[in-house]
Amino acid sequence: MIGIDRDTGATVDDWLQFVQRATRALTTPLGTRQKRPLYGCQITELLGQNLGDDLLILAQSHAAQAFYNRHNGIDDFEPQVIVASRHGAGLLLRFAGTWKNRQQTFEVVA
């Protein structure tokens, strides 16, 4: 699948296009899209709260759920490791897993 980078306007495909799709799905609040109410992730509900260890674990759980929600269109990545950590005033999510029979890693800042 070929797409356009939302920041630069350059053409992206393959892995970079998937990372952009995953970032968009993980940072979109669940239920905010009018015609796709099941698209998104609950991670954004945690932002603005005190990020204790319990909320970091909850963020990891919400991130895992996003990959198994077929409405997000990112179910072709099978996460094996999801790590949430504090990053400035938000979260940094690190993912490692299998995509198209290749081991891949990427990060999302929420």
C-alpha atoms as a PDB file:
ATOM      1  CA  MET A   1       0.000   0.000   0.000  1.00  0.00           C
ATOM      2  CA  ILE A   2       1.268   3.449  -0.909  1.00  0.00           C
ATOM      3  CA  GLY A   3       0.485   6.519   1.163  1.00  0.00           C
ATOM      4  CA  ILE A   4       1.556  10.095   1.747  1.00  0.00           C
ATOM      5  CA  ASP A   5       3.560  11.186   4.778  1.00  0.00           C
ATOM      6  CA  ARG A   6       1.365  13.523   6.799  1.00  0.00           C
ATOM      7  CA  ASP A   7       4.298  15.747   7.802  1.00  0.00           C
ATOM      8  CA  THR A   8       6.358  16.034   4.616  1.00  0.00           C
ATOM      9  CA  GLY A   9       3.940  15.079   1.834  1.00  0.00           C
ATOM     10  CA  ALA A  10       6.452  12.551   0.508  1.00  0.00           C
ATOM     11  CA  THR A  11       5.316   9.172  -0.787  1.00  0.00           C
ATOM     12  CA  VAL A  12       5.701   6.363   1.741  1.00  0.00           C
ATOM     13  CA  ASP A  13       5.103   2.662   1.350  1.00  0.00           C
ATOM     14  CA  ASP A  14       5.687  -0.677   3.011  1.00  0.00           C
ATOM     15  CA  TRP A  15       6.901  -0.381   6.620  1.00  0.00           C
ATOM     16  CA  LEU A  16       6.887   3.427   6.911  1.00  0.00           C
ATOM     17  CA  GLN A  17       3.302   3.530   5.669  1.00  0.00           C
ATOM     18  CA  PHE A  18       2.290   0.934   8.278  1.00  0.00           C
ATOM     19  CA  VAL A  19       3.992   2.904  11.089  1.00  0.00           C
ATOM     20  CA  GLN A  20       2.052   6.004  10.046  1.00  0.00           C
ATOM     21  CA  ARG A  21      -1.244   4.043  10.030  1.00  0.00           C
ATOM     22  CA  ALA A  22      -0.479   2.548  13.448  1.00  0.00           C
ATOM     23  CA  THR A  23       0.468   5.932  14.918  1.00  0.00           C
ATOM     24  CA  ARG A  24      -2.770   7.453  13.664  1.00  0.00           C
ATOM     25  CA  ALA A  25      -4.873   4.591  15.073  1.00  0.00           C
ATOM     26  CA  LEU A  26      -3.100   4.642  18.459  1.00  0.00           C
ATOM     27  CA  THR A  27      -3.417   8.411  18.895  1.00  0.00           C
ATOM     28  CA  THR A  28      -7.045   8.755  17.760  1.00  0.00           C
ATOM     29  CA  PRO A  29      -9.542   8.638  20.644  1.00  0.00           C
ATOM     30  CA  LEU A  30     -11.966   5.742  20.332  1.00  0.00           C
ATOM     31  CA  GLY A  31     -15.363   6.835  19.040  1.00  0.00           C
ATOM     32  CA  THR A  32     -14.374  10.243  17.672  1.00  0.00           C
ATOM     33  CA  ARG A  33     -14.731   9.441  13.984  1.00  0.00           C
ATOM     34  CA  GLN A  34     -18.282   9.988  12.789  1.00  0.00           C
ATOM     35  CA  LYS A  35     -18.438   7.254  10.140  1.00  0.00           C
ATOM     36  CA  ARG A  36     -16.016   4.885  11.881  1.00  0.00           C
ATOM     37  CA  PRO A  37     -16.978   4.938  15.581  1.00  0.00           C
ATOM     38  CA  LEU A  38     -15.004   1.765  16.390  1.00  0.00           C
ATOM     39  CA  TYR A  39     -11.735   3.230  15.023  1.00  0.00           C
ATOM     40  CA  GLY A  40      -9.146   4.412  17.528  1.00  0.00           C
ATOM     41  CA  CYS A  41      -7.637   3.553  20.883  1.00  0.00           C
ATOM     42  CA  GLN A  42      -8.349   4.264  24.551  1.00  0.00           C
ATOM     43  CA  ILE A  43      -4.786   5.422  25.278  1.00  0.00           C
ATOM     44  CA  THR A  44      -5.754   9.068  24.894  1.00  0.00           C
ATOM     45  CA  GLU A  45      -8.123   8.730  27.872  1.00  0.00           C
ATOM     46  CA  LEU A  46      -5.072   8.211  30.103  1.00  0.00           C
ATOM     47  CA  LEU A  47      -3.330  11.422  29.060  1.00  0.00           C
ATOM     48  CA  GLY A  48      -3.660  14.255  31.529  1.00  0.00           C
ATOM     49  CA  GLN A  49      -3.698  11.891  34.504  1.00  0.00           C
ATOM     50  CA  ASN A  50      -0.810  11.202  36.846  1.00  0.00           C
ATOM     51  CA  LEU A  51       1.126   8.547  34.983  1.00  0.00           C
ATOM     52  CA  GLY A  52       1.849   6.047  37.703  1.00  0.00           C
ATOM     53  CA  ASP A  53       2.978   2.506  37.027  1.00  0.00           C
ATOM     54  CA  ASP A  54      -0.627   1.301  37.066  1.00  0.00           C
ATOM     55  CA  LEU A  55      -1.542   3.651  34.200  1.00  0.00           C
ATOM     56  CA  LEU A  56       1.525   2.579  32.219  1.00  0.00           C
ATOM     57  CA  ILE A  57       0.336  -1.030  32.424  1.00  0.00           C
ATOM     58  CA  LEU A  58      -3.148   0.070  31.392  1.00  0.00           C
ATOM     59  CA  ALA A  59      -1.663   1.959  28.417  1.00  0.00           C
ATOM     60  CA  GLN A  60       0.123  -1.207  27.308  1.00  0.00           C
ATOM     61  CA  SER A  61      -3.173  -3.084  27.523  1.00  0.00           C
ATOM     62  CA  HIS A  62      -5.035  -0.454  25.486  1.00  0.00           C
ATOM     63  CA  ALA A  63      -2.264  -0.502  22.868  1.00  0.00           C
ATOM     64  CA  ALA A  64      -2.502  -4.284  22.535  1.00  0.00           C
ATOM     65  CA  GLN A  65      -6.271  -4.040  22.118  1.00  0.00           C
ATOM     66  CA  ALA A  66      -5.815  -1.539  19.277  1.00  0.00           C
ATOM     67  CA  PHE A  67      -3.847  -4.075  17.238  1.00  0.00           C
ATOM     68  CA  TYR A  68      -6.599  -6.672  17.592  1.00  0.00           C
ATOM     69  CA  ASN A  69      -9.377  -4.230  16.649  1.00  0.00           C
ATOM     70  CA  ARG A  70      -9.927  -4.961  12.946  1.00  0.00           C
ATOM     71  CA  HIS A  71     -11.536  -1.528  12.447  1.00  0.00           C
ATOM     72  CA  ASN A  72      -8.109   0.107  12.963  1.00  0.00           C
ATOM     73  CA  GLY A  73      -6.597  -1.667   9.962  1.00  0.00           C
ATOM     74  CA  ILE A  74      -3.337  -2.444  11.764  1.00  0.00           C
ATOM     75  CA  ASP A  75      -4.000  -6.102  12.528  1.00  0.00           C
ATOM     76  CA  ASP A  76      -1.264  -7.211  10.103  1.00  0.00           C
ATOM     77  CA  PHE A  77       1.283  -6.451  12.858  1.00  0.00           C
ATOM     78  CA  GLU A  78       1.516  -9.035  15.634  1.00  0.00           C
ATOM     79  CA  PRO A  79       2.936  -7.324  18.739  1.00  0.00           C
ATOM     80  CA  GLN A  80       5.219  -9.412  20.915  1.00  0.00           C
ATOM     81  CA  VAL A  81       6.556  -6.665  23.181  1.00  0.00           C
ATOM     82  CA  ILE A  82       4.772  -3.452  24.167  1.00  0.00           C
ATOM     83  CA  VAL A  83       6.507  -1.113  26.600  1.00  0.00           C
ATOM     84  CA  ALA A  84       4.981   2.143  27.845  1.00  0.00           C
ATOM     85  CA  SER A  85       7.147   4.759  29.548  1.00  0.00           C
ATOM     86  CA  ARG A  86       6.823   8.377  30.616  1.00  0.00           C
ATOM     87  CA  HIS A  87       7.954  10.886  28.010  1.00  0.00           C
ATOM     88  CA  GLY A  88       7.736  14.554  28.895  1.00  0.00           C
ATOM     89  CA  ALA A  89       4.070  15.244  29.635  1.00  0.00           C
ATOM     90  CA  GLY A  90       2.868  12.133  27.794  1.00  0.00           C
ATOM     91  CA  LEU A  91       3.652   8.555  26.916  1.00  0.00           C
ATOM     92  CA  LEU A  92       6.217   6.793  24.775  1.00  0.00           C
ATOM     93  CA  LEU A  93       5.075   3.413  23.481  1.00  0.00           C
ATOM     94  CA  ARG A  94       7.654   1.001  22.073  1.00  0.00           C
ATOM     95  CA  PHE A  95       6.518  -1.937  19.976  1.00  0.00           C
ATOM     96  CA  ALA A  96       8.341  -5.022  18.754  1.00  0.00           C
ATOM     97  CA  GLY A  97       6.709  -7.760  16.779  1.00  0.00           C
ATOM     98  CA  THR A  98       6.169  -9.472  13.475  1.00  0.00           C
ATOM     99  CA  TRP A  99       4.975  -7.749  10.308  1.00  0.00           C
ATOM    100  CA  LYS A 100       4.900  -9.670   7.020  1.00  0.00           C
ATOM    101  CA  ASN A 101       7.153 -12.375   8.519  1.00  0.00           C
ATOM    102  CA  ARG A 102       9.777  -9.786   9.527  1.00  0.00           C
ATOM    103  CA  GLN A 103      10.771  -8.669  13.013  1.00  0.00           C
ATOM    104  CA  GLN A 104      10.125  -4.919  13.274  1.00  0.00           C
ATOM    105  CA  THR A 105      10.193  -2.261  15.978  1.00  0.00           C
ATOM    106  CA  PHE A 106       8.748   1.237  16.178  1.00  0.00           C
ATOM    107  CA  GLU A 107       7.805   3.950  18.679  1.00  0.00           C
ATOM    108  CA  VAL A 108       4.741   6.137  19.124  1.00  0.00           C
ATOM    109  CA  VAL A 109       4.608   9.293  21.238  1.00  0.00           C
ATOM    110  CA  ALA A 110       1.176  10.006  22.707  1.00  0.00           C
END
